[in-house]
Amino acid sequence: MEKSATKYFEKMYEENENFRNEVDLLDFEYQIIRAILNARQTKNITQKQLAELSGVNRADISKIERGNANPSVKTLKKIASALDMTVKIEFQPIA
């Protein structure tokens, strides 16, 4: 079953532009979530502490980490700054 699901996914990704766009968007969002979680855990701070350091509401940080919010660049910069990091967004050619 797993192989057929993987093959179906690969076929859909290859043949369906809308499907491919949605998957790519989710991957980008997942990368942001992982980056925030990893940085917060590396600093060994809670969401509450990150909220206090960044000025971003703890509930909003929770939503971002759960993938239930689309933070603005301004919010990402506040979070990054609180984690002693910067945000880097770049446009790259599609391979």
PDB file of N, CA and C in Angstrom:
ATOM      1  N   MET A   1       0.825  -1.202   0.000  1.00  0.00           N
ATOM      2  CA  MET A   1       0.000   0.000   0.000  1.00  0.00           C
ATOM      3  C   MET A   1       0.862   1.256   0.000  1.00  0.00           C
ATOM      4  N   GLU A   2       1.928   1.254   0.792  1.00  0.00           N
ATOM      5  CA  GLU A   2       2.777   2.437   0.891  1.00  0.00           C
ATOM      6  C   GLU A   2       3.410   2.778  -0.449  1.00  0.00           C
ATOM      7  N   LYS A   3       3.874   1.780  -1.191  1.00  0.00           N
ATOM      8  CA  LYS A   3       4.502   2.035  -2.486  1.00  0.00           C
ATOM      9  C   LYS A   3       3.513   2.632  -3.471  1.00  0.00           C
ATOM     10  N   SER A   4       2.284   2.132  -3.463  1.00  0.00           N
ATOM     11  CA  SER A   4       1.291   2.666  -4.399  1.00  0.00           C
ATOM     12  C   SER A   4       0.912   4.099  -4.025  1.00  0.00           C
ATOM     13  N   ALA A   5       0.875   4.406  -2.738  1.00  0.00           N
ATOM     14  CA  ALA A   5       0.575   5.769  -2.310  1.00  0.00           C
ATOM     15  C   ALA A   5       1.709   6.707  -2.715  1.00  0.00           C
ATOM     16  N   THR A   6       2.939   6.243  -2.562  1.00  0.00           N
ATOM     17  CA  THR A   6       4.090   7.052  -2.960  1.00  0.00           C
ATOM     18  C   THR A   6       4.086   7.289  -4.460  1.00  0.00           C
ATOM     19  N   LYS A   7       3.798   6.246  -5.212  1.00  0.00           N
ATOM     20  CA  LYS A   7       3.743   6.390  -6.671  1.00  0.00           C
ATOM     21  C   LYS A   7       2.628   7.346  -7.076  1.00  0.00           C
ATOM     22  N   TYR A   8       1.485   7.250  -6.419  1.00  0.00           N
ATOM     23  CA  TYR A   8       0.371   8.150  -6.713  1.00  0.00           C
ATOM     24  C   TYR A   8       0.765   9.598  -6.416  1.00  0.00           C
ATOM     25  N   PHE A   9       1.400   9.807  -5.257  1.00  0.00           N
ATOM     26  CA  PHE A   9       1.853  11.145  -4.880  1.00  0.00           C
ATOM     27  C   PHE A   9       2.823  11.682  -5.931  1.00  0.00           C
ATOM     28  N   GLU A  10       3.811  10.882  -6.302  1.00  0.00           N
ATOM     29  CA  GLU A  10       4.805  11.316  -7.285  1.00  0.00           C
ATOM     30  C   GLU A  10       4.161  11.648  -8.625  1.00  0.00           C
ATOM     31  N   LYS A  11       3.189  10.831  -9.025  1.00  0.00           N
ATOM     32  CA  LYS A  11       2.499  11.081 -10.290  1.00  0.00           C
ATOM     33  C   LYS A  11       1.697  12.378 -10.213  1.00  0.00           C
ATOM     34  N   MET A  12       0.984  12.567  -9.118  1.00  0.00           N
ATOM     35  CA  MET A  12       0.203  13.795  -8.954  1.00  0.00           C
ATOM     36  C   MET A  12       1.117  15.016  -8.942  1.00  0.00           C
ATOM     37  N   TYR A  13       2.243  14.911  -8.252  1.00  0.00           N
ATOM     38  CA  TYR A  13       3.179  16.019  -8.157  1.00  0.00           C
ATOM     39  C   TYR A  13       3.735  16.366  -9.538  1.00  0.00           C
ATOM     40  N   GLU A  14       4.020  15.358 -10.308  1.00  0.00           N
ATOM     41  CA  GLU A  14       4.589  15.565 -11.649  1.00  0.00           C
ATOM     42  C   GLU A  14       3.564  16.114 -12.633  1.00  0.00           C
ATOM     43  N   GLU A  15       2.341  15.641 -12.555  1.00  0.00           N
ATOM     44  CA  GLU A  15       1.360  15.939 -13.587  1.00  0.00           C
ATOM     45  C   GLU A  15       0.380  17.065 -13.255  1.00  0.00           C
ATOM     46  N   ASN A  16       0.230  17.392 -11.971  1.00  0.00           N
ATOM     47  CA  ASN A  16      -0.801  18.340 -11.573  1.00  0.00           C
ATOM     48  C   ASN A  16      -0.155  19.586 -10.968  1.00  0.00           C
ATOM     49  N   GLU A  17      -0.172  20.679 -11.709  1.00  0.00           N
ATOM     50  CA  GLU A  17       0.486  21.909 -11.260  1.00  0.00           C
ATOM     51  C   GLU A  17      -0.126  22.447  -9.968  1.00  0.00           C
ATOM     52  N   ASN A  18      -1.443  22.396  -9.829  1.00  0.00           N
ATOM     53  CA  ASN A  18      -2.088  22.876  -8.597  1.00  0.00           C
ATOM     54  C   ASN A  18      -1.645  22.055  -7.388  1.00  0.00           C
ATOM     55  N   PHE A  19      -1.594  20.761  -7.549  1.00  0.00           N
ATOM     56  CA  PHE A  19      -1.135  19.869  -6.487  1.00  0.00           C
ATOM     57  C   PHE A  19       0.304  20.196  -6.124  1.00  0.00           C
ATOM     58  N   ARG A  20       1.137  20.343  -7.130  1.00  0.00           N
ATOM     59  CA  ARG A  20       2.555  20.660  -6.915  1.00  0.00           C
ATOM     60  C   ARG A  20       2.716  21.986  -6.167  1.00  0.00           C
ATOM     61  N   ASN A  21       1.950  22.993  -6.550  1.00  0.00           N
ATOM     62  CA  ASN A  21       2.020  24.296  -5.890  1.00  0.00           C
ATOM     63  C   ASN A  21       1.619  24.204  -4.422  1.00  0.00           C
ATOM     64  N   GLU A  22       0.569  23.441  -4.124  1.00  0.00           N
ATOM     65  CA  GLU A  22       0.122  23.278  -2.739  1.00  0.00           C
ATOM     66  C   GLU A  22       1.168  22.544  -1.896  1.00  0.00           C
ATOM     67  N   VAL A  23       1.755  21.512  -2.454  1.00  0.00           N
ATOM     68  CA  VAL A  23       2.794  20.762  -1.731  1.00  0.00           C
ATOM     69  C   VAL A  23       3.987  21.651  -1.469  1.00  0.00           C
ATOM     70  N   ASP A  24       4.400  22.420  -2.461  1.00  0.00           N
ATOM     71  CA  ASP A  24       5.553  23.310  -2.293  1.00  0.00           C
ATOM     72  C   ASP A  24       5.273  24.385  -1.247  1.00  0.00           C
ATOM     73  N   LEU A  25       4.056  24.910  -1.237  1.00  0.00           N
ATOM     74  CA  LEU A  25       3.687  25.914  -0.243  1.00  0.00           C
ATOM     75  C   LEU A  25       3.740  25.319   1.155  1.00  0.00           C
ATOM     76  N   LEU A  26       3.211  24.118   1.314  1.00  0.00           N
ATOM     77  CA  LEU A  26       3.242  23.460   2.620  1.00  0.00           C
ATOM     78  C   LEU A  26       4.669  23.186   3.067  1.00  0.00           C
ATOM     79  N   ASP A  27       5.534  22.823   2.134  1.00  0.00           N
ATOM     80  CA  ASP A  27       6.931  22.570   2.474  1.00  0.00           C
ATOM     81  C   ASP A  27       7.585  23.847   2.985  1.00  0.00           C
ATOM     82  N   PHE A  28       7.314  24.968   2.336  1.00  0.00           N
ATOM     83  CA  PHE A  28       7.867  26.251   2.761  1.00  0.00           C
ATOM     84  C   PHE A  28       7.376  26.598   4.166  1.00  0.00           C
ATOM     85  N   GLU A  29       6.080  26.424   4.408  1.00  0.00           N
ATOM     86  CA  GLU A  29       5.526  26.708   5.732  1.00  0.00           C
ATOM     87  C   GLU A  29       6.146  25.786   6.787  1.00  0.00           C
ATOM     88  N   TYR A  30       6.322  24.529   6.441  1.00  0.00           N
ATOM     89  CA  TYR A  30       6.917  23.574   7.374  1.00  0.00           C
ATOM     90  C   TYR A  30       8.342  23.986   7.726  1.00  0.00           C
ATOM     91  N   GLN A  31       9.102  24.469   6.745  1.00  0.00           N
ATOM     92  CA  GLN A  31      10.475  24.905   7.003  1.00  0.00           C
ATOM     93  C   GLN A  31      10.508  26.063   8.004  1.00  0.00           C
ATOM     94  N   ILE A  32       9.566  26.992   7.880  1.00  0.00           N
ATOM     95  CA  ILE A  32       9.495  28.119   8.809  1.00  0.00           C
ATOM     96  C   ILE A  32       9.169  27.622  10.219  1.00  0.00           C
ATOM     97  N   ILE A  33       8.188  26.748  10.310  1.00  0.00           N
ATOM     98  CA  ILE A  33       7.788  26.195  11.608  1.00  0.00           C
ATOM     99  C   ILE A  33       8.973  25.487  12.261  1.00  0.00           C
ATOM    100  N   ARG A  34       9.652  24.621  11.503  1.00  0.00           N
ATOM    101  CA  ARG A  34      10.792  23.877  12.049  1.00  0.00           C
ATOM    102  C   ARG A  34      11.906  24.821  12.498  1.00  0.00           C
ATOM    103  N   ALA A  35      12.155  25.877  11.727  1.00  0.00           N
ATOM    104  CA  ALA A  35      13.210  26.820  12.074  1.00  0.00           C
ATOM    105  C   ALA A  35      12.906  27.503  13.405  1.00  0.00           C
ATOM    106  N   ILE A  36      11.663  27.927  13.587  1.00  0.00           N
ATOM    107  CA  ILE A  36      11.281  28.585  14.843  1.00  0.00           C
ATOM    108  C   ILE A  36      11.375  27.606  16.010  1.00  0.00           C
ATOM    109  N   LEU A  37      10.802  26.424  15.834  1.00  0.00           N
ATOM    110  CA  LEU A  37      10.845  25.420  16.903  1.00  0.00           C
ATOM    111  C   LEU A  37      12.275  25.050  17.263  1.00  0.00           C
ATOM    112  N   ASN A  38      13.101  24.800  16.260  1.00  0.00           N
ATOM    113  CA  ASN A  38      14.486  24.407  16.534  1.00  0.00           C
ATOM    114  C   ASN A  38      15.237  25.515  17.265  1.00  0.00           C
ATOM    115  N   ALA A  39      15.064  26.746  16.824  1.00  0.00           N
ATOM    116  CA  ALA A  39      15.763  27.867  17.469  1.00  0.00           C
ATOM    117  C   ALA A  39      15.280  28.051  18.904  1.00  0.00           C
ATOM    118  N   ARG A  40      13.977  27.946  19.110  1.00  0.00           N
ATOM    119  CA  ARG A  40      13.430  28.116  20.465  1.00  0.00           C
ATOM    120  C   ARG A  40      13.923  27.008  21.381  1.00  0.00           C
ATOM    121  N   GLN A  41      13.926  25.781  20.886  1.00  0.00           N
ATOM    122  CA  GLN A  41      14.380  24.656  21.702  1.00  0.00           C
ATOM    123  C   GLN A  41      15.883  24.723  21.962  1.00  0.00           C
ATOM    124  N   THR A  42      16.639  25.213  20.981  1.00  0.00           N
ATOM    125  CA  THR A  42      18.080  25.369  21.164  1.00  0.00           C
ATOM    126  C   THR A  42      18.370  26.381  22.274  1.00  0.00           C
ATOM    127  N   LYS A  43      17.584  27.453  22.312  1.00  0.00           N
ATOM    128  CA  LYS A  43      17.743  28.452  23.374  1.00  0.00           C
ATOM    129  C   LYS A  43      17.138  27.978  24.686  1.00  0.00           C
ATOM    130  N   ASN A  44      16.405  26.861  24.607  1.00  0.00           N
ATOM    131  CA  ASN A  44      15.781  26.266  25.784  1.00  0.00           C
ATOM    132  C   ASN A  44      14.811  27.241  26.460  1.00  0.00           C
ATOM    133  N   ILE A  45      13.940  27.841  25.644  1.00  0.00           N
ATOM    134  CA  ILE A  45      12.938  28.756  26.191  1.00  0.00           C
ATOM    135  C   ILE A  45      11.543  28.275  25.809  1.00  0.00           C
ATOM    136  N   THR A  46      10.577  28.675  26.596  1.00  0.00           N
ATOM    137  CA  THR A  46       9.188  28.314  26.355  1.00  0.00           C
ATOM    138  C   THR A  46       8.551  29.302  25.378  1.00  0.00           C
ATOM    139  N   GLN A  47       7.363  28.966  24.924  1.00  0.00           N
ATOM    140  CA  GLN A  47       6.611  29.900  24.086  1.00  0.00           C
ATOM    141  C   GLN A  47       6.338  31.193  24.851  1.00  0.00           C
ATOM    142  N   LYS A  48       6.036  31.062  26.129  1.00  0.00           N
ATOM    143  CA  LYS A  48       5.767  32.245  26.954  1.00  0.00           C
ATOM    144  C   LYS A  48       6.996  33.147  27.011  1.00  0.00           C
ATOM    145  N   GLN A  49       8.156  32.549  27.218  1.00  0.00           N
ATOM    146  CA  GLN A  49       9.386  33.338  27.265  1.00  0.00           C
ATOM    147  C   GLN A  49       9.676  33.994  25.916  1.00  0.00           C
ATOM    148  N   LEU A  50       9.442  33.259  24.830  1.00  0.00           N
ATOM    149  CA  LEU A  50       9.642  33.826  23.497  1.00  0.00           C
ATOM    150  C   LEU A  50       8.684  34.988  23.272  1.00  0.00           C
ATOM    151  N   ALA A  51       7.465  34.842  23.745  1.00  0.00           N
ATOM    152  CA  ALA A  51       6.487  35.925  23.618  1.00  0.00           C
ATOM    153  C   ALA A  51       6.966  37.175  24.349  1.00  0.00           C
ATOM    154  N   GLU A  52       7.475  36.983  25.542  1.00  0.00           N
ATOM    155  CA  GLU A  52       7.964  38.126  26.331  1.00  0.00           C
ATOM    156  C   GLU A  52       9.163  38.792  25.653  1.00  0.00           C
ATOM    157  N   LEU A  53      10.052  37.988  25.089  1.00  0.00           N
ATOM    158  CA  LEU A  53      11.249  38.526  24.436  1.00  0.00           C
ATOM    159  C   LEU A  53      10.933  39.204  23.099  1.00  0.00           C
ATOM    160  N   SER A  54       9.940  38.692  22.396  1.00  0.00           N
ATOM    161  CA  SER A  54       9.654  39.166  21.037  1.00  0.00           C
ATOM    162  C   SER A  54       8.548  40.206  20.955  1.00  0.00           C
ATOM    163  N   GLY A  55       7.680  40.230  21.959  1.00  0.00           N
ATOM    164  CA  GLY A  55       6.518  41.102  21.886  1.00  0.00           C
ATOM    165  C   GLY A  55       5.393  40.522  21.043  1.00  0.00           C
ATOM    166  N   VAL A  56       5.536  39.257  20.672  1.00  0.00           N
ATOM    167  CA  VAL A  56       4.493  38.550  19.915  1.00  0.00           C
ATOM    168  C   VAL A  56       3.681  37.747  20.912  1.00  0.00           C
ATOM    169  N   ASN A  57       2.369  37.842  20.823  1.00  0.00           N
ATOM    170  CA  ASN A  57       1.467  37.143  21.730  1.00  0.00           C
ATOM    171  C   ASN A  57       1.781  35.651  21.768  1.00  0.00           C
ATOM    172  N   ARG A  58       1.794  35.050  22.975  1.00  0.00           N
ATOM    173  CA  ARG A  58       2.079  33.624  23.104  1.00  0.00           C
ATOM    174  C   ARG A  58       1.110  32.769  22.301  1.00  0.00           C
ATOM    175  N   ALA A  59      -0.149  33.153  22.268  1.00  0.00           N
ATOM    176  CA  ALA A  59      -1.131  32.390  21.490  1.00  0.00           C
ATOM    177  C   ALA A  59      -0.779  32.418  20.002  1.00  0.00           C
ATOM    178  N   ASP A  60      -0.265  33.543  19.530  1.00  0.00           N
ATOM    179  CA  ASP A  60       0.134  33.647  18.122  1.00  0.00           C
ATOM    180  C   ASP A  60       1.362  32.771  17.845  1.00  0.00           C
ATOM    181  N   ILE A  61       2.300  32.736  18.780  1.00  0.00           N
ATOM    182  CA  ILE A  61       3.465  31.865  18.620  1.00  0.00           C
ATOM    183  C   ILE A  61       3.024  30.414  18.557  1.00  0.00           C
ATOM    184  N   SER A  62       2.093  30.041  19.417  1.00  0.00           N
ATOM    185  CA  SER A  62       1.553  28.681  19.404  1.00  0.00           C
ATOM    186  C   SER A  62       0.907  28.362  18.063  1.00  0.00           C
ATOM    187  N   LYS A  63       0.111  29.284  17.553  1.00  0.00           N
ATOM    188  CA  LYS A  63      -0.546  29.075  16.250  1.00  0.00           C
ATOM    189  C   LYS A  63       0.476  28.911  15.139  1.00  0.00           C
ATOM    190  N   ILE A  64       1.515  29.734  15.170  1.00  0.00           N
ATOM    191  CA  ILE A  64       2.560  29.642  14.145  1.00  0.00           C
ATOM    192  C   ILE A  64       3.245  28.284  14.219  1.00  0.00           C
ATOM    193  N   GLU A  65       3.602  27.859  15.420  1.00  0.00           N
ATOM    194  CA  GLU A  65       4.304  26.589  15.588  1.00  0.00           C
ATOM    195  C   GLU A  65       3.429  25.387  15.231  1.00  0.00           C
ATOM    196  N   ARG A  66       2.130  25.540  15.327  1.00  0.00           N
ATOM    197  CA  ARG A  66       1.219  24.452  14.951  1.00  0.00           C
ATOM    198  C   ARG A  66       0.816  24.520  13.482  1.00  0.00           C
ATOM    199  N   GLY A  67       1.260  25.559  12.782  1.00  0.00           N
ATOM    200  CA  GLY A  67       0.917  25.694  11.371  1.00  0.00           C
ATOM    201  C   GLY A  67      -0.463  26.262  11.143  1.00  0.00           C
ATOM    202  N   ASN A  68      -1.022  26.921  12.154  1.00  0.00           N
ATOM    203  CA  ASN A  68      -2.369  27.478  12.048  1.00  0.00           C
ATOM    204  C   ASN A  68      -2.376  28.984  11.843  1.00  0.00           C
ATOM    205  N   ALA A  69      -1.222  29.540  11.499  1.00  0.00           N
ATOM    206  CA  ALA A  69      -1.135  30.982  11.255  1.00  0.00           C
ATOM    207  C   ALA A  69      -0.082  31.229  10.192  1.00  0.00           C
ATOM    208  N   ASN A  70      -0.256  32.292   9.456  1.00  0.00           N
ATOM    209  CA  ASN A  70       0.717  32.714   8.461  1.00  0.00           C
ATOM    210  C   ASN A  70       1.321  34.030   8.935  1.00  0.00           C
ATOM    211  N   PRO A  71       2.457  33.958   9.620  1.00  0.00           N
ATOM    212  CA  PRO A  71       3.033  35.175  10.192  1.00  0.00           C
ATOM    213  C   PRO A  71       3.548  36.124   9.117  1.00  0.00           C
ATOM    214  N   SER A  72       3.447  37.399   9.410  1.00  0.00           N
ATOM    215  CA  SER A  72       4.004  38.406   8.511  1.00  0.00           C
ATOM    216  C   SER A  72       5.526  38.396   8.628  1.00  0.00           C
ATOM    217  N   VAL A  73       6.171  39.019   7.686  1.00  0.00           N
ATOM    218  CA  VAL A  73       7.625  39.144   7.748  1.00  0.00           C
ATOM    219  C   VAL A  73       8.012  39.920   9.007  1.00  0.00           C
ATOM    220  N   LYS A  74       7.232  40.929   9.355  1.00  0.00           N
ATOM    221  CA  LYS A  74       7.491  41.720  10.557  1.00  0.00           C
ATOM    222  C   LYS A  74       7.472  40.829  11.809  1.00  0.00           C
ATOM    223  N   THR A  75       6.491  39.943  11.896  1.00  0.00           N
ATOM    224  CA  THR A  75       6.393  39.023  13.039  1.00  0.00           C
ATOM    225  C   THR A  75       7.562  38.052  13.043  1.00  0.00           C
ATOM    226  N   LEU A  76       7.930  37.533  11.885  1.00  0.00           N
ATOM    227  CA  LEU A  76       9.069  36.629  11.804  1.00  0.00           C
ATOM    228  C   LEU A  76      10.346  37.325  12.254  1.00  0.00           C
ATOM    229  N   LYS A  77      10.500  38.590  11.880  1.00  0.00           N
ATOM    230  CA  LYS A  77      11.682  39.355  12.287  1.00  0.00           C
ATOM    231  C   LYS A  77      11.713  39.551  13.800  1.00  0.00           C
ATOM    232  N   LYS A  78      10.567  39.814  14.411  1.00  0.00           N
ATOM    233  CA  LYS A  78      10.505  39.967  15.869  1.00  0.00           C
ATOM    234  C   LYS A  78      10.903  38.665  16.564  1.00  0.00           C
ATOM    235  N   ILE A  79      10.374  37.555  16.070  1.00  0.00           N
ATOM    236  CA  ILE A  79      10.679  36.249  16.660  1.00  0.00           C
ATOM    237  C   ILE A  79      12.162  35.932  16.475  1.00  0.00           C
ATOM    238  N   ALA A  80      12.666  36.143  15.276  1.00  0.00           N
ATOM    239  CA  ALA A  80      14.075  35.865  14.998  1.00  0.00           C
ATOM    240  C   ALA A  80      14.981  36.704  15.890  1.00  0.00           C
ATOM    241  N   SER A  81      14.663  37.976  16.016  1.00  0.00           N
ATOM    242  CA  SER A  81      15.476  38.866  16.845  1.00  0.00           C
ATOM    243  C   SER A  81      15.498  38.383  18.294  1.00  0.00           C
ATOM    244  N   ALA A  82      14.362  37.950  18.794  1.00  0.00           N
ATOM    245  CA  ALA A  82      14.277  37.444  20.168  1.00  0.00           C
ATOM    246  C   ALA A  82      15.103  36.169  20.341  1.00  0.00           C
ATOM    247  N   LEU A  83      15.315  35.456  19.237  1.00  0.00           N
ATOM    248  CA  LEU A  83      16.100  34.219  19.269  1.00  0.00           C
ATOM    249  C   LEU A  83      17.555  34.464  18.870  1.00  0.00           C
ATOM    250  N   ASP A  84      17.933  35.756  18.797  1.00  0.00           N
ATOM    251  CA  ASP A  84      19.288  36.146  18.380  1.00  0.00           C
ATOM    252  C   ASP A  84      19.621  35.628  16.981  1.00  0.00           C
ATOM    253  N   MET A  85      18.650  35.781  16.099  1.00  0.00           N
ATOM    254  CA  MET A  85      18.803  35.329  14.721  1.00  0.00           C
ATOM    255  C   MET A  85      18.267  36.395  13.778  1.00  0.00           C
ATOM    256  N   THR A  86      18.461  36.171  12.495  1.00  0.00           N
ATOM    257  CA  THR A  86      17.880  37.025  11.467  1.00  0.00           C
ATOM    258  C   THR A  86      17.032  36.165  10.553  1.00  0.00           C
ATOM    259  N   VAL A  87      16.197  36.812   9.780  1.00  0.00           N
ATOM    260  CA  VAL A  87      15.369  36.118   8.795  1.00  0.00           C
ATOM    261  C   VAL A  87      16.016  36.323   7.433  1.00  0.00           C
ATOM    262  N   LYS A  88      16.106  35.250   6.676  1.00  0.00           N
ATOM    263  CA  LYS A  88      16.637  35.333   5.322  1.00  0.00           C
ATOM    264  C   LYS A  88      15.615  34.715   4.371  1.00  0.00           C
ATOM    265  N   ILE A  89      15.115  35.529   3.479  1.00  0.00           N
ATOM    266  CA  ILE A  89      14.169  35.047   2.468  1.00  0.00           C
ATOM    267  C   ILE A  89      14.827  35.294   1.127  1.00  0.00           C
ATOM    268  N   GLU A  90      14.863  34.295   0.301  1.00  0.00           N
ATOM    269  CA  GLU A  90      15.475  34.482  -1.005  1.00  0.00           C
ATOM    270  C   GLU A  90      14.639  33.816  -2.096  1.00  0.00           C
ATOM    271  N   PHE A  91      14.705  34.409  -3.251  1.00  0.00           N
ATOM    272  CA  PHE A  91      14.067  33.852  -4.422  1.00  0.00           C
ATOM    273  C   PHE A  91      15.126  33.070  -5.194  1.00  0.00           C
ATOM    274  N   GLN A  92      14.797  31.854  -5.571  1.00  0.00           N
ATOM    275  CA  GLN A  92      15.728  31.021  -6.293  1.00  0.00           C
ATOM    276  C   GLN A  92      15.064  30.515  -7.558  1.00  0.00           C
ATOM    277  N   PRO A  93      15.851  30.319  -8.602  1.00  0.00           N
ATOM    278  CA  PRO A  93      15.267  29.773  -9.829  1.00  0.00           C
ATOM    279  C   PRO A  93      14.725  28.363  -9.589  1.00  0.00           C
ATOM    280  N   ILE A  94      13.682  28.046 -10.264  1.00  0.00           N
ATOM    281  CA  ILE A  94      13.113  26.713 -10.173  1.00  0.00           C
ATOM    282  C   ILE A  94      13.997  25.780 -10.978  1.00  0.00           C
ATOM    283  N   ALA A  95      14.408  24.699 -10.319  1.00  0.00           N
ATOM    284  CA  ALA A  95      15.323  23.758 -10.969  1.00  0.00           C
ATOM    285  C   ALA A  95      14.613  22.911 -11.984  1.00  0.00           C
TER     286      ALA A  95
END
